[in-house]
Amino acid sequence: MSSFFLDLDTWQEIWATLRRNRLRALLTASGVFWGLFMLILLLGLGRGLERGALALSELAPRAVYVWGQRTGMPYRGLQPGRYVHFEDDDVTRLRAIPGVEFVAARLRFGGWRDNAQVSHAGKTGAVNVLGDMPDYARIEPLSIDRGRFLNHPDLAGARKVAVIGSKARGVLFANANPLGEWLEINGVHFVIVGEIHSDKAGDDGDRINNTVFIPFTTFQDAYNQKNRVGWFTLGIRENASSTEVVREVKRVLSERHRLNPLDEQALGSFDAAEQYEKIHRLFAGIRTFVWFVGTLTLFSGVLGVSNILLIIVKERTREIGVRKALGATPGSIVRLVVQESMALTTLAGYAGLVAGVGALEAVARLVEHLDGAPLRSPEVDFKAALVAAGVLVLAGAVAGIVPARHAARVPPVEALRAE
């Protein structure tokens, strides 16, 4: 194979053959070009659509959320209608559950959509205020714009520090650097140590950007929430089943707070990890379908190459007879035809690959600044491109086998008689 690519005489002979029939060679190559172009384009668009769907779905890859609700069934003399309130000890118990990588206990002012009044230098904004743990940043896709996020010393020392979202910073500080400035939250002052923004799209990303994060323990101390937990965000290990973890979490919490095991109202949960995996499986199926359709399209182009080579072999019957009469072996004849096939498919396929990558780059630039676009960073990964190139080379070799064997079987005497 290496001698083929380095043999100048071989390339000159292939080029002379293709040049004699430029239009036919161009039309033949266009089938291979289009097949690989569409394969690369569909793979890249599928990848971009998957990223866009995951961003718009606002799902964390390996997260489970659990919160308390009202009981709906009596249990051990306790009447239904009780509110389930979590405590600090629940954090320790949940961390001990197999499959749980970490637990982030959380608190907030008001309900899920309620905001708190946060002030700075006479400016006041309606902002979400959350008491969080550092592990929260391992679940949510956050980018640090300035400073840092909450850390474990903040939690251990119940420090009065805060991390502000980019939207909240815009409300209270405009374009000024907020680091080292003070915020007043319900009469308590906090120094800002970081600014973040969410990598999510949609309402959830907007909500996180309009949030001020303070240490969970500081929230408990400053706002009379000792031994209270609002809800939990749990990180699930890669090899663990999120469904089984949720079941065990509910069992542990039901036992701890004397809840009826059959009461489905007492504990609310959302298994983001399971939903995330469903989306991944859906797009895995789409990728398989794209490979199937793209490969068939590619092979249809290769079939055209094979048919054209049969015609070329027939036209060169006399030339092949002369070669054989001068001592050319059947193997050398086969090698010549296969090399022509591989050269044609490789050149056309490379052009299709470059055009496909270029088209994806153009689409990526087009949707880069479109908020809420269903596509996000459409591109084809290097491994997929290598596989496509390998399929192309293999297809080129296969396309040349039938014409090559036909050429090798031509008897020299009959070939020399051919018109």
Protein backbone atom coordinates (compact mmCIF):
# COMPACT_ATOMS: atom_id res chain seq x y z
CA MET A 1 0.00 0.00 0.00
CA SER A 2 2.78 2.44 0.86
CA SER A 3 4.51 1.74 -2.46
CA PHE A 4 1.25 2.66 -4.22
CA PHE A 5 1.15 6.10 -2.65
CA LEU A 6 4.86 6.70 -3.31
CA ASP A 7 4.99 5.34 -6.89
CA LEU A 8 4.88 8.37 -9.18
CA ASP A 9 4.45 6.24 -12.32
CA THR A 10 1.31 4.68 -10.88
CA TRP A 11 -0.18 8.09 -10.11
CA GLN A 12 0.67 9.37 -13.59
CA GLU A 13 -0.99 6.35 -15.18
CA ILE A 14 -4.11 6.72 -13.01
CA TRP A 15 -4.30 10.43 -13.77
CA ALA A 16 -3.92 9.80 -17.52
CA THR A 17 -6.75 7.25 -17.41
CA LEU A 18 -9.08 9.60 -15.52
CA ARG A 19 -8.14 12.58 -17.70
CA ARG A 20 -9.15 10.76 -20.87
CA ASN A 21 -12.70 10.62 -19.53
CA ARG A 22 -13.01 13.71 -17.34
CA LEU A 23 -16.80 13.98 -17.33
CA ARG A 24 -17.29 10.30 -16.61
CA ALA A 25 -14.73 10.39 -13.79
CA LEU A 26 -16.32 13.54 -12.32
CA LEU A 27 -19.82 12.08 -12.37
CA THR A 28 -18.56 8.84 -10.84
CA ALA A 29 -16.65 10.65 -8.10
CA SER A 30 -19.67 12.84 -7.30
CA GLY A 31 -21.56 9.81 -5.97
CA VAL A 32 -18.79 9.00 -3.48
CA PHE A 33 -18.39 12.70 -2.63
CA TRP A 34 -22.09 13.10 -1.89
CA GLY A 35 -22.26 9.89 0.14
CA LEU A 36 -19.44 10.88 2.51
CA PHE A 37 -20.58 14.51 2.61
CA MET A 38 -24.07 13.51 3.76
CA LEU A 39 -22.69 10.99 6.27
CA ILE A 40 -20.43 13.60 7.92
CA LEU A 41 -23.14 16.27 7.79
CA LEU A 42 -25.82 14.05 9.34
CA LEU A 43 -23.46 12.79 12.07
CA GLY A 44 -22.46 16.35 12.96
CA LEU A 45 -26.02 17.67 12.94
CA GLY A 46 -27.14 14.72 15.07
CA ARG A 47 -24.42 15.47 17.60
CA GLY A 48 -25.36 19.16 17.66
CA LEU A 49 -29.04 18.30 18.04
CA GLU A 50 -28.21 16.00 20.96
CA ARG A 51 -26.24 18.74 22.70
CA GLY A 52 -29.02 21.23 22.05
CA ALA A 53 -31.70 18.87 23.36
CA LEU A 54 -29.72 18.17 26.53
CA ALA A 55 -29.12 21.87 27.09
CA LEU A 56 -32.77 22.76 26.53
CA SER A 57 -33.95 19.83 28.65
CA GLU A 58 -32.12 21.38 31.64
CA LEU A 59 -31.10 17.94 32.89
CA ALA A 60 -28.02 17.18 34.98
CA PRO A 61 -26.23 14.03 33.76
CA ARG A 62 -26.09 12.07 37.05
CA ALA A 63 -28.44 13.86 39.45
CA VAL A 64 -31.44 12.96 41.57
CA TYR A 65 -33.57 15.52 43.41
CA VAL A 66 -35.60 14.62 46.52
CA TRP A 67 -37.91 16.89 48.53
CA GLY A 68 -40.51 16.53 51.25
CA GLN A 69 -44.27 16.89 50.75
CA ARG A 70 -47.41 16.17 52.74
CA THR A 71 -48.13 12.61 53.78
CA GLY A 72 -51.13 11.00 52.16
CA MET A 73 -51.50 7.91 54.35
CA PRO A 74 -51.58 7.25 58.10
CA TYR A 75 -48.70 5.33 59.68
CA ARG A 76 -48.11 4.06 63.22
CA GLY A 77 -50.77 6.27 64.76
CA LEU A 78 -49.73 9.37 62.78
CA GLN A 79 -52.43 11.01 60.70
CA PRO A 80 -52.05 11.94 57.01
CA GLY A 81 -51.43 15.55 56.05
CA ARG A 82 -48.10 15.96 57.90
CA TYR A 83 -45.35 17.97 56.25
CA VAL A 84 -42.09 16.04 55.84
CA HIS A 85 -39.17 18.14 57.14
CA PHE A 86 -35.61 16.94 56.55
CA GLU A 87 -32.78 17.33 59.08
CA ASP A 88 -28.98 17.39 59.08
CA ASP A 89 -28.80 13.74 60.10
CA ASP A 90 -30.51 12.78 56.85
CA VAL A 91 -27.46 13.98 54.93
CA THR A 92 -25.22 11.46 56.73
CA ARG A 93 -27.69 8.64 56.15
CA LEU A 94 -28.06 9.37 52.43
CA ARG A 95 -24.31 9.56 51.91
CA ALA A 96 -24.03 5.99 53.19
CA ILE A 97 -26.35 4.62 50.49
CA PRO A 98 -24.49 2.53 47.85
CA GLY A 99 -24.41 4.32 44.52
CA VAL A 100 -24.56 7.83 46.02
CA GLU A 101 -21.39 9.75 45.21
CA PHE A 102 -22.26 12.91 47.14
CA VAL A 103 -25.22 14.71 48.72
CA ALA A 104 -25.84 18.45 48.49
CA ALA A 105 -28.33 19.63 51.10
CA ARG A 106 -30.09 22.84 50.10
CA LEU A 107 -32.22 25.66 51.50
CA ARG A 108 -33.92 28.66 49.91
CA PHE A 109 -36.10 31.62 50.79
CA GLY A 110 -39.80 31.05 50.05
CA GLY A 111 -41.14 28.63 47.48
CA TRP A 112 -39.59 27.32 44.27
CA ARG A 113 -40.40 30.45 42.25
CA ASP A 114 -40.15 32.99 45.07
CA ASN A 115 -37.36 35.57 45.20
CA ALA A 116 -35.71 37.45 48.05
CA GLN A 117 -34.90 41.16 48.19
CA VAL A 118 -31.14 41.61 47.85
CA SER A 119 -29.55 45.05 48.18
CA HIS A 120 -26.27 46.75 47.39
CA ALA A 121 -25.47 50.47 47.65
CA GLY A 122 -29.11 51.51 47.41
CA LYS A 123 -29.95 49.13 44.57
CA THR A 124 -32.42 46.33 45.28
CA GLY A 125 -33.24 43.32 43.14
CA ALA A 126 -35.57 40.32 43.35
CA VAL A 127 -33.06 37.47 43.36
CA ASN A 128 -33.11 33.77 44.24
CA VAL A 129 -31.12 33.09 47.41
CA LEU A 130 -29.96 29.54 48.02
CA GLY A 131 -28.04 27.94 50.84
CA ASP A 132 -25.85 25.40 49.07
CA MET A 133 -22.93 23.06 49.45
CA PRO A 134 -19.81 23.04 47.23
CA ASP A 135 -20.88 19.73 45.66
CA TYR A 136 -23.72 21.53 43.90
CA ALA A 137 -21.19 22.71 41.31
CA ARG A 138 -20.44 19.06 40.48
CA ILE A 139 -24.03 18.59 39.34
CA GLU A 140 -24.95 21.81 37.60
CA PRO A 141 -22.92 22.96 34.58
CA LEU A 142 -21.58 26.25 35.95
CA SER A 143 -18.85 28.46 34.56
CA ILE A 144 -16.79 30.67 36.90
CA ASP A 145 -16.59 34.20 35.46
CA ARG A 146 -14.75 35.74 38.44
CA GLY A 147 -13.37 34.47 41.71
CA ARG A 148 -14.56 31.04 42.87
CA PHE A 149 -17.56 29.00 43.94
CA LEU A 150 -18.37 28.01 47.53
CA ASN A 151 -15.80 25.69 49.16
CA HIS A 152 -15.64 23.40 52.19
CA PRO A 153 -13.91 25.96 54.50
CA ASP A 154 -16.87 28.29 53.79
CA LEU A 155 -19.20 25.51 54.87
CA ALA A 156 -17.19 24.46 57.95
CA GLY A 157 -16.78 28.03 59.20
CA ALA A 158 -20.28 29.20 58.25
CA ARG A 159 -18.64 32.13 56.49
CA LYS A 160 -20.74 35.06 55.31
CA VAL A 161 -19.65 34.85 51.72
CA ALA A 162 -21.71 34.75 48.55
CA VAL A 163 -21.41 33.74 44.90
CA ILE A 164 -23.55 35.80 42.54
CA GLY A 165 -25.06 34.79 39.21
CA SER A 166 -24.36 36.87 36.11
CA LYS A 167 -27.92 38.15 35.76
CA ALA A 168 -28.14 39.13 39.44
CA ARG A 169 -24.77 40.88 39.09
CA GLY A 170 -26.15 42.88 36.16
CA VAL A 171 -29.11 44.01 38.24
CA LEU A 172 -27.10 45.07 41.30
CA PHE A 173 -23.69 46.02 39.86
CA ALA A 174 -24.29 46.67 36.16
CA ASN A 175 -20.91 45.98 34.49
CA ALA A 176 -18.78 46.59 37.59
CA ASN A 177 -16.63 43.85 39.16
CA PRO A 178 -18.60 42.56 42.19
CA LEU A 179 -15.72 40.72 43.90
CA GLY A 180 -15.10 41.99 47.42
CA GLU A 181 -18.35 43.99 47.48
CA TRP A 182 -21.05 43.49 50.09
CA LEU A 183 -24.62 42.29 49.65
CA GLU A 184 -27.43 42.68 52.14
CA ILE A 185 -29.82 39.74 52.24
CA ASN A 186 -32.68 40.08 54.72
CA GLY A 187 -30.60 42.24 57.04
CA VAL A 188 -27.45 40.08 56.87
CA HIS A 189 -24.34 41.22 54.97
CA PHE A 190 -22.27 38.89 52.76
CA VAL A 191 -19.05 39.56 50.87
CA ILE A 192 -19.01 38.39 47.24
CA VAL A 193 -16.22 35.91 46.44
CA GLY A 194 -17.30 34.75 42.99
CA GLU A 195 -19.48 35.23 39.94
CA ILE A 196 -20.89 32.37 37.86
CA HIS A 197 -23.16 31.76 34.91
CA SER A 198 -25.05 28.65 33.93
CA ASP A 199 -24.17 26.71 30.79
CA LYS A 200 -27.81 25.67 30.49
CA ALA A 201 -30.29 27.25 28.13
CA GLY A 202 -33.89 28.13 28.85
CA ASP A 203 -35.68 29.05 32.08
CA ASP A 204 -33.51 26.92 34.34
CA GLY A 205 -30.31 28.57 33.14
CA ASP A 206 -31.91 31.99 33.53
CA ARG A 207 -33.02 31.13 37.07
CA ILE A 208 -29.51 30.03 38.08
CA ASN A 209 -28.03 33.22 36.62
CA ASN A 210 -30.44 35.22 38.80
CA THR A 211 -29.31 33.45 41.99
CA VAL A 212 -27.07 34.30 44.93
CA PHE A 213 -25.46 31.26 46.56
CA ILE A 214 -24.40 31.31 50.22
CA PRO A 215 -22.97 28.45 52.32
CA PHE A 216 -25.63 26.03 53.55
CA THR A 217 -24.46 26.25 57.17
CA THR A 218 -24.43 30.07 57.03
CA PHE A 219 -28.03 30.02 55.79
CA GLN A 220 -28.99 27.80 58.74
CA ASP A 221 -27.25 30.07 61.28
CA ALA A 222 -28.24 33.45 59.86
CA TYR A 223 -31.90 32.74 59.17
CA ASN A 224 -32.93 30.56 62.08
CA GLN A 225 -32.96 27.31 60.10
CA LYS A 226 -30.92 25.17 62.51
CA ASN A 227 -31.12 21.47 61.73
CA ARG A 228 -33.37 22.13 58.73
CA VAL A 229 -32.88 20.93 55.17
CA GLY A 230 -35.11 22.08 52.34
CA TRP A 231 -34.30 19.37 49.80
CA PHE A 232 -31.47 17.21 48.51
CA THR A 233 -29.57 17.03 45.27
CA LEU A 234 -27.73 13.72 44.99
CA GLY A 235 -24.92 12.79 42.62
CA ILE A 236 -25.14 9.20 41.35
CA ARG A 237 -22.04 7.11 40.60
CA GLU A 238 -21.41 6.15 36.98
CA ASN A 239 -21.91 2.41 37.51
CA ALA A 240 -24.99 2.77 39.72
CA SER A 241 -28.65 2.58 38.73
CA SER A 242 -30.36 5.86 39.53
CA THR A 243 -33.72 4.08 39.78
CA GLU A 244 -32.43 1.75 42.49
CA VAL A 245 -30.77 4.65 44.31
CA VAL A 246 -34.04 6.63 44.35
CA ARG A 247 -35.86 3.61 45.72
CA GLU A 248 -33.29 3.17 48.50
CA VAL A 249 -33.27 6.92 49.30
CA LYS A 250 -37.04 6.89 49.76
CA ARG A 251 -36.84 3.78 51.91
CA VAL A 252 -34.21 5.36 54.19
CA LEU A 253 -36.10 8.64 54.50
CA SER A 254 -39.43 6.88 55.07
CA GLU A 255 -37.89 4.86 57.88
CA ARG A 256 -36.23 7.93 59.39
CA HIS A 257 -39.38 10.12 59.34
CA ARG A 258 -41.95 7.39 60.01
CA LEU A 259 -43.64 7.47 56.64
CA ASN A 260 -45.84 4.74 55.23
CA PRO A 261 -43.69 2.81 52.71
CA LEU A 262 -46.66 2.79 50.33
CA ASP A 263 -47.25 6.53 50.59
CA GLU A 264 -46.22 7.99 47.23
CA GLN A 265 -47.25 11.53 48.21
CA ALA A 266 -44.91 11.98 51.15
CA LEU A 267 -41.68 12.28 49.17
CA GLY A 268 -41.24 13.98 45.83
CA SER A 269 -38.37 13.11 43.52
CA PHE A 270 -37.06 13.74 40.07
CA ASP A 271 -34.60 11.32 38.49
CA ALA A 272 -32.71 13.58 36.09
CA ALA A 273 -30.12 10.84 35.49
CA GLU A 274 -32.76 8.47 34.12
CA GLN A 275 -34.22 11.13 31.82
CA TYR A 276 -30.72 12.06 30.69
CA GLU A 277 -30.00 8.43 29.80
CA LYS A 278 -33.26 8.17 27.87
CA ILE A 279 -32.22 11.11 25.70
CA HIS A 280 -28.79 9.53 25.19
CA ARG A 281 -30.38 6.23 24.14
CA LEU A 282 -32.67 8.05 21.74
CA PHE A 283 -29.78 9.81 20.03
CA ALA A 284 -27.71 6.61 20.04
CA GLY A 285 -30.50 5.08 17.96
CA ILE A 286 -30.49 8.12 15.68
CA ARG A 287 -26.71 7.81 15.23
CA THR A 288 -27.09 4.14 14.30
CA PHE A 289 -29.77 5.06 11.75
CA VAL A 290 -27.56 7.83 10.32
CA TRP A 291 -24.63 5.42 9.95
CA PHE A 292 -26.93 2.92 8.23
CA VAL A 293 -28.37 5.44 5.76
CA GLY A 294 -25.04 7.20 5.22
CA THR A 295 -23.19 3.95 4.59
CA LEU A 296 -25.83 2.81 2.08
CA THR A 297 -25.55 6.18 0.32
CA LEU A 298 -21.77 5.82 0.28
CA PHE A 299 -21.91 2.30 -1.12
CA SER A 300 -24.33 3.38 -3.83
CA GLY A 301 -21.63 5.80 -4.98
CA VAL A 302 -19.01 3.06 -4.73
CA LEU A 303 -21.22 0.79 -6.82
CA GLY A 304 -21.14 3.46 -9.51
CA VAL A 305 -17.33 3.42 -9.33
CA SER A 306 -17.34 -0.35 -9.80
CA ASN A 307 -19.61 -0.13 -12.86
CA ILE A 308 -17.50 2.60 -14.43
CA LEU A 309 -14.34 0.55 -13.86
CA LEU A 310 -15.95 -2.39 -15.66
CA ILE A 311 -16.49 -0.12 -18.65
CA ILE A 312 -12.92 1.17 -18.40
CA VAL A 313 -11.57 -2.39 -18.25
CA LYS A 314 -13.54 -3.28 -21.37
CA GLU A 315 -12.17 -0.22 -23.17
CA ARG A 316 -8.62 -1.16 -22.12
CA THR A 317 -8.89 -4.83 -23.09
CA ARG A 318 -6.23 -4.50 -25.80
CA GLU A 319 -3.89 -2.65 -23.42
CA ILE A 320 -4.33 -5.38 -20.82
CA GLY A 321 -3.53 -8.01 -23.48
CA VAL A 322 -0.28 -6.21 -24.31
CA ARG A 323 0.65 -6.06 -20.64
CA LYS A 324 0.05 -9.78 -20.24
CA ALA A 325 1.96 -10.57 -23.44
CA LEU A 326 4.91 -8.63 -22.02
CA GLY A 327 4.84 -10.70 -18.83
CA ALA A 328 2.41 -8.89 -16.52
CA THR A 329 0.98 -11.26 -13.92
CA PRO A 330 -2.75 -11.48 -13.07
CA GLY A 331 -1.86 -10.08 -9.65
CA SER A 332 -0.33 -6.95 -11.16
CA ILE A 333 -3.42 -6.42 -13.33
CA VAL A 334 -5.70 -6.79 -10.31
CA ARG A 335 -3.51 -4.42 -8.31
CA LEU A 336 -3.61 -1.79 -11.08
CA VAL A 337 -7.41 -1.74 -11.29
CA VAL A 338 -7.88 -1.79 -7.49
CA GLN A 339 -5.43 1.10 -7.16
CA GLU A 340 -7.41 3.15 -9.66
CA SER A 341 -10.61 2.41 -7.75
CA MET A 342 -9.07 3.35 -4.40
CA ALA A 343 -7.55 6.52 -5.82
CA LEU A 344 -10.88 7.67 -7.24
CA THR A 345 -12.90 6.89 -4.11
CA THR A 346 -10.26 8.27 -1.73
CA LEU A 347 -9.93 11.60 -3.53
CA ALA A 348 -13.70 12.01 -3.88
CA GLY A 349 -14.26 10.91 -0.30
CA TYR A 350 -11.64 13.28 1.06
CA ALA A 351 -13.33 16.14 -0.78
CA GLY A 352 -16.67 15.05 0.73
CA LEU A 353 -15.11 14.91 4.20
CA VAL A 354 -13.66 18.40 3.90
CA ALA A 355 -16.91 19.78 2.51
CA GLY A 356 -18.92 18.14 5.29
CA VAL A 357 -16.67 19.58 8.02
CA GLY A 358 -16.83 22.97 6.32
CA ALA A 359 -20.64 22.85 6.20
CA LEU A 360 -20.80 21.94 9.89
CA GLU A 361 -18.48 24.83 10.74
CA ALA A 362 -20.74 27.20 8.81
CA VAL A 363 -23.83 25.91 10.65
CA ALA A 364 -22.02 26.21 14.00
CA ARG A 365 -21.18 29.86 13.31
CA LEU A 366 -24.76 30.49 12.24
CA VAL A 367 -26.36 29.13 15.43
CA GLU A 368 -23.61 30.24 17.83
CA HIS A 369 -25.37 33.44 18.83
CA LEU A 370 -28.97 32.22 18.54
CA ASP A 371 -30.50 31.84 22.00
CA GLY A 372 -32.58 28.70 22.40
CA ALA A 373 -31.36 27.20 19.12
CA PRO A 374 -32.07 23.44 18.86
CA LEU A 375 -28.51 22.92 17.60
CA ARG A 376 -25.42 23.46 19.74
CA SER A 377 -21.84 23.10 18.43
CA PRO A 378 -22.62 20.67 15.58
CA GLU A 379 -19.44 18.76 14.80
CA VAL A 380 -18.26 15.27 13.98
CA ASP A 381 -15.75 13.72 16.35
CA PHE A 382 -12.35 12.53 15.15
CA LYS A 383 -13.14 8.86 15.77
CA ALA A 384 -16.24 9.01 13.55
CA ALA A 385 -14.23 10.70 10.80
CA LEU A 386 -11.58 7.95 11.00
CA VAL A 387 -14.25 5.25 10.82
CA ALA A 388 -15.82 6.95 7.80
CA ALA A 389 -12.43 7.17 6.11
CA GLY A 390 -11.78 3.49 6.86
CA VAL A 391 -15.15 2.52 5.41
CA LEU A 392 -14.36 4.57 2.33
CA VAL A 393 -10.97 2.92 1.72
CA LEU A 394 -12.49 -0.52 2.23
CA ALA A 395 -15.34 0.34 -0.12
CA GLY A 396 -12.86 1.54 -2.74
CA ALA A 397 -10.97 -1.75 -2.56
CA VAL A 398 -14.20 -3.76 -2.79
CA ALA A 399 -15.39 -1.65 -5.75
CA GLY A 400 -12.26 -2.53 -7.71
CA ILE A 401 -12.26 -6.28 -7.05
CA VAL A 402 -14.95 -7.31 -9.57
CA PRO A 403 -13.51 -5.25 -12.48
CA ALA A 404 -9.98 -6.32 -11.52
CA ARG A 405 -10.83 -10.02 -11.56
CA HIS A 406 -12.56 -9.57 -14.90
CA ALA A 407 -9.43 -7.90 -16.29
CA ALA A 408 -7.14 -10.61 -14.90
CA ARG A 409 -9.17 -13.38 -16.58
CA VAL A 410 -8.88 -11.90 -20.09
CA PRO A 411 -6.69 -14.27 -22.23
CA PRO A 412 -3.80 -12.35 -23.84
CA VAL A 413 -4.54 -13.62 -27.36
CA GLU A 414 -8.22 -12.59 -27.25
CA ALA A 415 -7.26 -9.27 -25.70
CA LEU A 416 -4.83 -8.51 -28.53
CA ARG A 417 -7.56 -9.26 -31.08
CA ALA A 418 -9.99 -6.87 -29.39
CA GLU A 419 -10.97 -3.71 -31.24
